[in-house]
Amino acid sequence: MAIRRRLETDPDLDITSFMSLMTVLVPVLLLNMVFSHISVLNLNLPGLSDASAEEQKENRQLEMVLRAEYIDINYPAGIRVKRIPNRDGKPDLKLVSDVLQEIKRALRDKDIDKKDLVILSEPGTPYRTLVSAMDTARSFRAVVAASVVDAELFPQISLGDAPQGDDLAQSGQRQNEQLAGNGL
């Protein structure tokens, strides 16, 4: 019995449509990678500790208190260095940056390398205001060797709730007594 064999040939693969898809898909995916940049902010949350250590540490804290009508800069904690009223209903973050730069220079002159700042905000503070304040406290634009760079201010930022109005009234006397003695 004779076996008859068929000559089978493999059909050619037509990958033209697949190559067209890749030609369009690769540039689109690469462009989307540029626009989906993710930023990570490191925030420090207050921990549980004994009150005596907290009081000593609290006294050396630099605070930025965000209120609806103004921003207070306090150093040490609770002692106002400068009150910056809002301009046109928005916080004057340029002046805040200038004040923080002056504080950084004054601390550096005293050989204090301070990198942390506590931002205290009222419960109704808009998210955009809080993020803008964090960006302002973290760095500022400086011109170095004919190029603009971001210079570091206070990159370690902690968040908290601003004290109520009654707390400010009680600390008002202590603040007036110590305001002249803070040296800033």
N, C-alpha and C. Protein backbone atom coordinates (compact mmCIF):
# COMPACT_ATOMS: atom_id res chain seq x y z
N MET A 1 0.82 -1.15 0.00
CA MET A 1 0.00 0.00 0.00
C MET A 1 0.89 1.24 0.00
N ALA A 2 0.57 2.07 -0.84
CA ALA A 2 1.37 3.27 -1.00
C ALA A 2 0.77 4.39 -0.15
N ILE A 3 1.63 5.00 0.66
CA ILE A 3 1.19 6.13 1.50
C ILE A 3 1.47 7.42 0.73
N ARG A 4 0.45 8.14 0.70
CA ARG A 4 0.55 9.38 -0.02
C ARG A 4 0.78 10.51 0.97
N ARG A 5 1.81 11.22 0.79
CA ARG A 5 2.11 12.34 1.70
C ARG A 5 1.74 13.66 1.04
N ARG A 6 1.14 14.45 1.88
CA ARG A 6 0.81 15.79 1.39
C ARG A 6 1.96 16.73 1.71
N LEU A 7 2.23 17.55 0.86
CA LEU A 7 3.21 18.58 1.12
C LEU A 7 2.48 19.78 1.73
N GLU A 8 2.69 19.93 3.02
CA GLU A 8 2.04 21.06 3.70
C GLU A 8 3.04 22.17 3.88
N THR A 9 2.64 23.33 3.58
CA THR A 9 3.49 24.49 3.78
C THR A 9 2.84 25.38 4.83
N ASP A 10 3.67 25.92 5.68
CA ASP A 10 3.15 26.84 6.70
C ASP A 10 2.80 28.16 6.04
N PRO A 11 1.64 28.68 6.38
CA PRO A 11 1.27 29.98 5.80
C PRO A 11 2.14 31.09 6.40
N ASP A 12 2.43 32.09 5.66
CA ASP A 12 3.19 33.23 6.16
C ASP A 12 2.33 34.03 7.13
N LEU A 13 2.98 34.46 8.23
CA LEU A 13 2.27 35.30 9.21
C LEU A 13 2.28 36.74 8.74
N ASP A 14 1.11 37.35 8.77
CA ASP A 14 1.01 38.75 8.40
C ASP A 14 0.97 39.58 9.69
N ILE A 15 2.09 40.18 10.04
CA ILE A 15 2.17 40.95 11.30
C ILE A 15 2.15 42.45 11.04
N THR A 16 1.70 42.84 9.91
CA THR A 16 1.66 44.26 9.56
C THR A 16 0.75 45.04 10.49
N SER A 17 -0.41 44.52 10.79
CA SER A 17 -1.35 45.22 11.67
C SER A 17 -0.81 45.30 13.10
N PHE A 18 -0.13 44.25 13.56
CA PHE A 18 0.47 44.25 14.89
C PHE A 18 1.59 45.30 14.97
N MET A 19 2.40 45.40 13.96
CA MET A 19 3.48 46.40 13.94
C MET A 19 2.91 47.82 13.91
N SER A 20 1.82 48.01 13.21
CA SER A 20 1.17 49.32 13.20
C SER A 20 0.66 49.68 14.59
N LEU A 21 0.08 48.70 15.28
CA LEU A 21 -0.39 48.93 16.63
C LEU A 21 0.76 49.31 17.56
N MET A 22 1.87 48.61 17.48
CA MET A 22 3.03 48.91 18.33
C MET A 22 3.62 50.27 18.01
N THR A 23 3.60 50.65 16.74
CA THR A 23 4.12 51.94 16.33
C THR A 23 3.34 53.08 16.98
N VAL A 24 2.06 52.90 17.16
CA VAL A 24 1.22 53.92 17.80
C VAL A 24 1.26 53.78 19.32
N LEU A 25 1.23 52.58 19.83
CA LEU A 25 1.10 52.34 21.26
C LEU A 25 2.35 52.73 22.06
N VAL A 26 3.52 52.44 21.56
CA VAL A 26 4.76 52.73 22.30
C VAL A 26 4.93 54.23 22.55
N PRO A 27 4.82 55.12 21.56
CA PRO A 27 4.96 56.55 21.86
C PRO A 27 3.89 57.07 22.82
N VAL A 28 2.66 56.57 22.70
CA VAL A 28 1.59 57.02 23.60
C VAL A 28 1.91 56.63 25.04
N LEU A 29 2.37 55.41 25.26
CA LEU A 29 2.71 54.98 26.61
C LEU A 29 3.90 55.76 27.17
N LEU A 30 4.88 56.04 26.34
CA LEU A 30 6.03 56.81 26.80
C LEU A 30 5.64 58.24 27.18
N LEU A 31 4.75 58.84 26.42
CA LEU A 31 4.29 60.19 26.76
C LEU A 31 3.51 60.20 28.06
N ASN A 32 2.69 59.19 28.30
CA ASN A 32 1.91 59.13 29.53
C ASN A 32 2.80 58.94 30.75
N MET A 33 3.94 58.30 30.60
CA MET A 33 4.84 58.12 31.74
C MET A 33 5.37 59.46 32.22
N VAL A 34 5.59 60.40 31.32
CA VAL A 34 6.09 61.71 31.71
C VAL A 34 5.04 62.46 32.52
N PHE A 35 3.79 62.35 32.14
CA PHE A 35 2.74 63.11 32.80
C PHE A 35 2.26 62.47 34.10
N SER A 36 2.58 61.24 34.36
CA SER A 36 2.11 60.59 35.58
C SER A 36 3.22 60.51 36.61
N HIS A 37 3.93 61.60 36.82
CA HIS A 37 4.99 61.67 37.82
C HIS A 37 4.38 61.73 39.21
N ILE A 38 4.86 60.92 40.11
CA ILE A 38 4.31 60.85 41.46
C ILE A 38 5.29 61.49 42.42
N SER A 39 4.78 62.40 43.26
CA SER A 39 5.61 63.03 44.28
C SER A 39 5.30 62.41 45.63
N VAL A 40 6.32 62.22 46.42
CA VAL A 40 6.15 61.65 47.75
C VAL A 40 6.63 62.67 48.77
N LEU A 41 5.79 62.97 49.72
CA LEU A 41 6.16 63.88 50.80
C LEU A 41 6.34 63.09 52.08
N ASN A 42 7.44 63.29 52.74
CA ASN A 42 7.66 62.64 54.03
C ASN A 42 7.15 63.55 55.13
N LEU A 43 6.17 63.08 55.88
CA LEU A 43 5.60 63.84 56.97
C LEU A 43 5.87 63.12 58.28
N ASN A 44 6.11 63.89 59.31
CA ASN A 44 6.32 63.32 60.64
C ASN A 44 5.06 63.53 61.45
N LEU A 45 4.53 62.48 61.99
CA LEU A 45 3.36 62.57 62.85
C LEU A 45 3.81 62.52 64.30
N PRO A 46 3.12 63.25 65.16
CA PRO A 46 3.55 63.25 66.56
C PRO A 46 3.41 61.86 67.18
N GLY A 47 4.41 61.50 67.96
CA GLY A 47 4.39 60.19 68.60
C GLY A 47 3.98 60.29 70.06
N LEU A 48 3.84 59.15 70.69
CA LEU A 48 3.51 59.11 72.10
C LEU A 48 4.79 59.14 72.90
N SER A 49 4.89 60.08 73.82
CA SER A 49 6.07 60.18 74.68
C SER A 49 5.66 60.80 76.00
N ASP A 50 6.60 60.82 76.93
CA ASP A 50 6.26 61.40 78.22
C ASP A 50 6.18 62.92 78.10
N ALA A 51 5.44 63.57 78.98
CA ALA A 51 5.15 65.00 78.88
C ALA A 51 6.38 65.86 79.11
N SER A 52 7.29 65.46 80.00
CA SER A 52 8.45 66.29 80.30
C SER A 52 9.37 66.42 79.08
N ALA A 53 9.62 65.34 78.39
CA ALA A 53 10.46 65.40 77.19
C ALA A 53 9.75 66.19 76.10
N GLU A 54 8.43 66.07 76.04
CA GLU A 54 7.68 66.79 75.03
C GLU A 54 7.72 68.30 75.29
N GLU A 55 7.65 68.71 76.56
CA GLU A 55 7.70 70.13 76.88
C GLU A 55 9.05 70.72 76.51
N GLN A 56 10.13 70.01 76.78
CA GLN A 56 11.45 70.52 76.44
C GLN A 56 11.62 70.62 74.93
N LYS A 57 11.17 69.63 74.22
CA LYS A 57 11.29 69.64 72.77
C LYS A 57 10.36 70.68 72.16
N GLU A 58 9.18 70.83 72.72
CA GLU A 58 8.19 71.75 72.20
C GLU A 58 8.69 73.19 72.26
N ASN A 59 9.47 73.51 73.27
CA ASN A 59 9.95 74.87 73.44
C ASN A 59 10.91 75.28 72.32
N ARG A 60 11.55 74.32 71.66
CA ARG A 60 12.50 74.63 70.60
C ARG A 60 11.90 74.46 69.22
N GLN A 61 10.60 74.28 69.13
CA GLN A 61 9.95 74.04 67.85
C GLN A 61 9.70 75.35 67.10
N LEU A 62 9.86 75.28 65.79
CA LEU A 62 9.47 76.36 64.90
C LEU A 62 8.08 76.01 64.38
N GLU A 63 7.14 76.93 64.56
CA GLU A 63 5.74 76.66 64.19
C GLU A 63 5.27 77.67 63.15
N MET A 64 4.44 77.17 62.23
CA MET A 64 3.71 78.02 61.31
C MET A 64 2.23 77.72 61.56
N VAL A 65 1.51 78.69 62.07
CA VAL A 65 0.10 78.51 62.42
C VAL A 65 -0.75 79.15 61.33
N LEU A 66 -1.52 78.32 60.61
CA LEU A 66 -2.37 78.80 59.52
C LEU A 66 -3.76 79.11 60.07
N ARG A 67 -4.14 80.37 59.98
CA ARG A 67 -5.47 80.83 60.39
C ARG A 67 -6.21 81.35 59.16
N ALA A 68 -7.50 81.60 59.32
CA ALA A 68 -8.31 82.07 58.19
C ALA A 68 -7.89 83.46 57.74
N GLU A 69 -7.47 84.34 58.67
CA GLU A 69 -7.15 85.72 58.33
C GLU A 69 -5.66 86.01 58.28
N TYR A 70 -4.82 85.14 58.84
CA TYR A 70 -3.39 85.43 58.93
C TYR A 70 -2.60 84.14 59.13
N ILE A 71 -1.27 84.28 59.08
CA ILE A 71 -0.35 83.19 59.38
C ILE A 71 0.60 83.69 60.45
N ASP A 72 0.74 82.92 61.52
CA ASP A 72 1.70 83.24 62.58
C ASP A 72 2.92 82.36 62.44
N ILE A 73 4.10 82.94 62.60
CA ILE A 73 5.35 82.20 62.66
C ILE A 73 5.83 82.30 64.10
N ASN A 74 5.99 81.17 64.78
CA ASN A 74 6.37 81.13 66.19
C ASN A 74 7.70 80.41 66.37
N TYR A 75 8.61 81.02 67.15
CA TYR A 75 9.83 80.33 67.56
C TYR A 75 10.34 80.98 68.83
N PRO A 76 10.57 80.23 69.86
CA PRO A 76 10.15 78.86 70.12
C PRO A 76 8.64 78.74 70.17
N ALA A 77 8.16 77.53 70.31
CA ALA A 77 6.73 77.25 70.20
C ALA A 77 5.92 78.18 71.09
N GLY A 78 4.90 78.82 70.52
CA GLY A 78 4.00 79.68 71.27
C GLY A 78 4.44 81.13 71.34
N ILE A 79 5.65 81.45 70.92
CA ILE A 79 6.13 82.83 70.97
C ILE A 79 6.20 83.36 69.55
N ARG A 80 5.37 84.34 69.26
CA ARG A 80 5.23 84.84 67.90
C ARG A 80 6.46 85.65 67.47
N VAL A 81 6.97 85.30 66.31
CA VAL A 81 8.03 86.08 65.68
C VAL A 81 7.41 87.10 64.75
N LYS A 82 6.42 86.66 63.96
CA LYS A 82 5.79 87.55 62.99
C LYS A 82 4.38 87.06 62.69
N ARG A 83 3.45 88.01 62.58
CA ARG A 83 2.09 87.71 62.12
C ARG A 83 1.96 88.29 60.72
N ILE A 84 1.57 87.45 59.78
CA ILE A 84 1.49 87.84 58.38
C ILE A 84 0.03 87.80 57.95
N PRO A 85 -0.61 88.97 57.79
CA PRO A 85 -2.02 88.97 57.37
C PRO A 85 -2.17 88.55 55.92
N ASN A 86 -3.35 88.03 55.60
CA ASN A 86 -3.64 87.62 54.22
C ASN A 86 -3.69 88.84 53.31
N ARG A 87 -3.34 88.64 52.05
CA ARG A 87 -3.41 89.71 51.06
C ARG A 87 -4.43 89.30 50.02
N ASP A 88 -5.43 90.09 49.81
CA ASP A 88 -6.51 89.82 48.85
C ASP A 88 -7.21 88.49 49.14
N GLY A 89 -7.38 88.16 50.40
CA GLY A 89 -8.08 86.94 50.79
C GLY A 89 -7.25 85.67 50.71
N LYS A 90 -5.99 85.78 50.31
CA LYS A 90 -5.12 84.61 50.20
C LYS A 90 -3.88 84.83 51.07
N PRO A 91 -3.30 83.74 51.57
CA PRO A 91 -2.08 83.88 52.38
C PRO A 91 -0.94 84.49 51.57
N ASP A 92 -0.17 85.38 52.21
CA ASP A 92 0.98 86.02 51.57
C ASP A 92 2.20 85.11 51.75
N LEU A 93 2.30 84.09 50.91
CA LEU A 93 3.35 83.09 51.06
C LEU A 93 4.72 83.62 50.68
N LYS A 94 4.79 84.67 49.89
CA LYS A 94 6.09 85.29 49.57
C LYS A 94 6.70 85.90 50.83
N LEU A 95 5.89 86.60 51.61
CA LEU A 95 6.37 87.18 52.86
C LEU A 95 6.69 86.09 53.88
N VAL A 96 5.90 85.02 53.90
CA VAL A 96 6.18 83.88 54.78
C VAL A 96 7.55 83.29 54.45
N SER A 97 7.84 83.13 53.16
CA SER A 97 9.14 82.61 52.74
C SER A 97 10.27 83.53 53.18
N ASP A 98 10.07 84.83 53.05
CA ASP A 98 11.10 85.79 53.48
C ASP A 98 11.36 85.69 54.98
N VAL A 99 10.30 85.57 55.78
CA VAL A 99 10.45 85.47 57.24
C VAL A 99 11.16 84.17 57.60
N LEU A 100 10.79 83.06 56.95
CA LEU A 100 11.44 81.78 57.23
C LEU A 100 12.92 81.81 56.83
N GLN A 101 13.25 82.53 55.76
CA GLN A 101 14.65 82.67 55.36
C GLN A 101 15.44 83.46 56.41
N GLU A 102 14.81 84.52 56.97
CA GLU A 102 15.47 85.30 58.02
C GLU A 102 15.69 84.44 59.27
N ILE A 103 14.70 83.64 59.62
CA ILE A 103 14.83 82.76 60.80
C ILE A 103 15.94 81.74 60.56
N LYS A 104 15.99 81.17 59.36
CA LYS A 104 17.03 80.18 59.03
C LYS A 104 18.42 80.81 59.15
N ARG A 105 18.57 82.05 58.65
CA ARG A 105 19.86 82.76 58.76
C ARG A 105 20.21 83.03 60.21
N ALA A 106 19.23 83.48 61.00
CA ALA A 106 19.49 83.78 62.41
C ALA A 106 19.89 82.52 63.17
N LEU A 107 19.23 81.41 62.88
CA LEU A 107 19.58 80.15 63.54
C LEU A 107 20.96 79.66 63.10
N ARG A 108 21.27 79.83 61.84
CA ARG A 108 22.58 79.42 61.34
C ARG A 108 23.69 80.26 61.97
N ASP A 109 23.42 81.56 62.20
CA ASP A 109 24.40 82.42 62.87
C ASP A 109 24.66 81.97 64.30
N LYS A 110 23.67 81.35 64.92
CA LYS A 110 23.81 80.82 66.29
C LYS A 110 24.29 79.37 66.29
N ASP A 111 24.72 78.86 65.13
CA ASP A 111 25.18 77.48 64.96
C ASP A 111 24.11 76.46 65.31
N ILE A 112 22.88 76.77 64.96
CA ILE A 112 21.76 75.83 65.14
C ILE A 112 21.32 75.38 63.75
N ASP A 113 21.45 74.08 63.49
CA ASP A 113 21.05 73.52 62.20
C ASP A 113 19.65 72.94 62.35
N LYS A 114 18.66 73.77 62.12
CA LYS A 114 17.26 73.35 62.29
C LYS A 114 16.68 72.99 60.93
N LYS A 115 16.11 71.78 60.83
CA LYS A 115 15.52 71.33 59.58
C LYS A 115 14.04 71.01 59.72
N ASP A 116 13.51 71.09 60.95
CA ASP A 116 12.12 70.69 61.15
C ASP A 116 11.24 71.91 61.41
N LEU A 117 9.97 71.76 61.03
CA LEU A 117 8.97 72.81 61.18
C LEU A 117 7.63 72.12 61.44
N VAL A 118 6.82 72.71 62.26
CA VAL A 118 5.49 72.19 62.55
C VAL A 118 4.48 73.16 61.94
N ILE A 119 3.61 72.64 61.09
CA ILE A 119 2.53 73.44 60.50
C ILE A 119 1.25 73.08 61.23
N LEU A 120 0.68 74.07 61.89
CA LEU A 120 -0.57 73.89 62.63
C LEU A 120 -1.67 74.62 61.87
N SER A 121 -2.74 73.92 61.55
CA SER A 121 -3.81 74.53 60.76
C SER A 121 -5.15 74.35 61.44
N GLU A 122 -6.04 75.28 61.15
CA GLU A 122 -7.41 75.19 61.63
C GLU A 122 -8.14 74.10 60.85
N PRO A 123 -9.22 73.55 61.42
CA PRO A 123 -9.93 72.46 60.73
C PRO A 123 -10.48 72.84 59.35
N GLY A 124 -10.82 74.08 59.08
CA GLY A 124 -11.40 74.46 57.79
C GLY A 124 -10.39 74.95 56.78
N THR A 125 -9.11 74.73 57.01
CA THR A 125 -8.08 75.22 56.09
C THR A 125 -8.17 74.48 54.75
N PRO A 126 -8.21 75.23 53.64
CA PRO A 126 -8.27 74.56 52.32
C PRO A 126 -7.00 73.74 52.06
N TYR A 127 -7.19 72.64 51.36
CA TYR A 127 -6.09 71.74 51.05
C TYR A 127 -5.00 72.45 50.25
N ARG A 128 -5.39 73.26 49.31
CA ARG A 128 -4.43 73.99 48.47
C ARG A 128 -3.56 74.92 49.32
N THR A 129 -4.16 75.57 50.31
CA THR A 129 -3.40 76.46 51.20
C THR A 129 -2.39 75.66 52.01
N LEU A 130 -2.80 74.51 52.50
CA LEU A 130 -1.91 73.66 53.30
C LEU A 130 -0.73 73.17 52.46
N VAL A 131 -0.98 72.71 51.25
CA VAL A 131 0.09 72.22 50.38
C VAL A 131 1.02 73.36 49.98
N SER A 132 0.46 74.54 49.69
CA SER A 132 1.29 75.69 49.33
C SER A 132 2.17 76.11 50.50
N ALA A 133 1.63 76.06 51.72
CA ALA A 133 2.43 76.39 52.90
C ALA A 133 3.55 75.38 53.10
N MET A 134 3.28 74.11 52.84
CA MET A 134 4.31 73.08 52.96
C MET A 134 5.41 73.31 51.94
N ASP A 135 5.04 73.63 50.71
CA ASP A 135 6.03 73.89 49.67
C ASP A 135 6.87 75.13 50.00
N THR A 136 6.22 76.16 50.54
CA THR A 136 6.93 77.38 50.91
C THR A 136 7.91 77.12 52.04
N ALA A 137 7.52 76.30 53.01
CA ALA A 137 8.39 76.02 54.16
C ALA A 137 9.54 75.08 53.79
N ARG A 138 9.38 74.27 52.78
CA ARG A 138 10.39 73.28 52.43
C ARG A 138 11.60 73.91 51.74
N SER A 139 11.36 74.83 50.79
CA SER A 139 12.48 75.41 50.04
C SER A 139 12.07 76.75 49.45
N PHE A 140 13.08 77.47 48.94
CA PHE A 140 12.83 78.74 48.27
C PHE A 140 13.72 78.83 47.04
N ARG A 141 13.33 79.68 46.10
CA ARG A 141 14.09 79.85 44.86
C ARG A 141 15.23 80.82 45.12
N ALA A 142 16.45 80.43 44.74
CA ALA A 142 17.62 81.28 44.91
C ALA A 142 18.43 81.27 43.63
N VAL A 143 19.15 82.36 43.39
CA VAL A 143 20.01 82.44 42.21
C VAL A 143 21.43 82.15 42.65
N VAL A 144 22.00 81.08 42.09
CA VAL A 144 23.37 80.69 42.39
C VAL A 144 24.11 80.52 41.06
N ALA A 145 25.19 81.27 40.89
CA ALA A 145 26.01 81.18 39.69
C ALA A 145 25.18 81.33 38.42
N ALA A 146 24.34 82.34 38.39
CA ALA A 146 23.51 82.68 37.23
C ALA A 146 22.48 81.61 36.87
N SER A 147 22.13 80.75 37.82
CA SER A 147 21.06 79.79 37.57
C SER A 147 20.15 79.75 38.80
N VAL A 148 18.89 79.46 38.57
CA VAL A 148 17.89 79.42 39.65
C VAL A 148 17.83 78.00 40.21
N VAL A 149 18.01 77.88 41.54
CA VAL A 149 17.96 76.58 42.20
C VAL A 149 17.00 76.66 43.38
N ASP A 150 16.58 75.49 43.87
CA ASP A 150 15.75 75.43 45.07
C ASP A 150 16.68 75.26 46.27
N ALA A 151 16.71 76.27 47.15
CA ALA A 151 17.52 76.20 48.36
C ALA A 151 16.66 75.66 49.50
N GLU A 152 17.26 74.90 50.38
CA GLU A 152 16.54 74.22 51.47
C GLU A 152 16.25 75.18 52.61
N LEU A 153 15.02 75.11 53.12
CA LEU A 153 14.65 75.84 54.34
C LEU A 153 14.44 74.83 55.46
N PHE A 154 13.23 74.31 55.55
CA PHE A 154 12.88 73.36 56.60
C PHE A 154 12.19 72.15 55.96
N PRO A 155 12.96 71.16 55.50
CA PRO A 155 12.37 70.05 54.73
C PRO A 155 11.60 69.04 55.57
N GLN A 156 11.85 68.96 56.87
CA GLN A 156 11.15 67.98 57.72
C GLN A 156 9.92 68.66 58.30
N ILE A 157 8.77 68.34 57.73
CA ILE A 157 7.53 69.02 58.10
C ILE A 157 6.62 68.08 58.88
N SER A 158 6.10 68.59 59.99
CA SER A 158 5.10 67.87 60.78
C SER A 158 3.80 68.66 60.72
N LEU A 159 2.69 67.96 60.76
CA LEU A 159 1.37 68.61 60.72
C LEU A 159 0.66 68.43 62.04
N GLY A 160 -0.20 69.40 62.36
CA GLY A 160 -0.99 69.32 63.58
C GLY A 160 -2.15 70.29 63.52
N ASP A 161 -2.97 70.25 64.56
CA ASP A 161 -4.11 71.16 64.66
C ASP A 161 -3.69 72.43 65.37
N ALA A 162 -4.17 73.55 64.88
CA ALA A 162 -3.87 74.84 65.51
C ALA A 162 -4.62 74.93 66.82
N PRO A 163 -4.02 75.58 67.83
CA PRO A 163 -4.74 75.77 69.09
C PRO A 163 -5.95 76.66 68.89
N GLN A 164 -6.95 76.45 69.72
CA GLN A 164 -8.17 77.24 69.65
C GLN A 164 -7.88 78.68 70.10
N GLY A 165 -8.81 79.58 69.86
CA GLY A 165 -8.64 80.99 70.21
C GLY A 165 -8.41 81.20 71.69
N ASP A 166 -9.03 80.36 72.55
CA ASP A 166 -8.86 80.51 73.99
C ASP A 166 -7.42 80.22 74.40
N ASP A 167 -6.78 79.24 73.75
CA ASP A 167 -5.40 78.92 74.05
C ASP A 167 -4.49 80.09 73.72
N LEU A 168 -4.83 80.81 72.65
CA LEU A 168 -4.02 81.96 72.27
C LEU A 168 -4.18 83.10 73.27
N ALA A 169 -5.39 83.30 73.77
CA ALA A 169 -5.61 84.37 74.73
C ALA A 169 -4.85 84.09 76.03
N GLN A 170 -4.81 82.83 76.48
CA GLN A 170 -4.10 82.49 77.71
C GLN A 170 -2.60 82.64 77.53
N SER A 171 -2.10 82.29 76.36
CA SER A 171 -0.66 82.38 76.14
C SER A 171 -0.25 83.79 75.72
N GLY A 172 -1.20 84.70 75.56
CA GLY A 172 -0.90 86.06 75.13
C GLY A 172 -0.01 86.80 76.10
N GLN A 173 -0.28 86.66 77.41
CA GLN A 173 0.56 87.32 78.40
C GLN A 173 1.97 86.78 78.36
N ARG A 174 2.11 85.46 78.34
CA ARG A 174 3.43 84.85 78.31
C ARG A 174 4.17 85.25 77.04
N GLN A 175 3.44 85.37 75.95
CA GLN A 175 4.04 85.73 74.68
C GLN A 175 4.57 87.15 74.73
N ASN A 176 3.79 88.09 75.28
CA ASN A 176 4.23 89.48 75.36
C ASN A 176 5.45 89.62 76.26
N GLU A 177 5.53 88.81 77.32
CA GLU A 177 6.66 88.88 78.22
C GLU A 177 7.92 88.33 77.55
N GLN A 178 7.80 87.29 76.74
CA GLN A 178 8.96 86.63 76.17
C GLN A 178 9.28 87.07 74.75
N LEU A 179 8.44 87.87 74.12
CA LEU A 179 8.64 88.25 72.74
C LEU A 179 9.96 88.98 72.54
N ALA A 180 10.30 89.86 73.45
CA ALA A 180 11.53 90.63 73.32
C ALA A 180 12.76 89.76 73.59
N GLY A 181 12.61 88.66 74.30
CA GLY A 181 13.76 87.84 74.68
C GLY A 181 14.06 86.68 73.76
N ASN A 182 13.33 86.52 72.67
CA ASN A 182 13.60 85.36 71.82
C ASN A 182 14.76 85.58 70.87
N GLY A 183 15.20 86.79 70.66
CA GLY A 183 16.41 87.05 69.90
C GLY A 183 16.28 86.94 68.39
N LEU A 184 15.07 86.85 67.87
CA LEU A 184 14.90 86.74 66.41
C LEU A 184 14.28 87.98 65.85
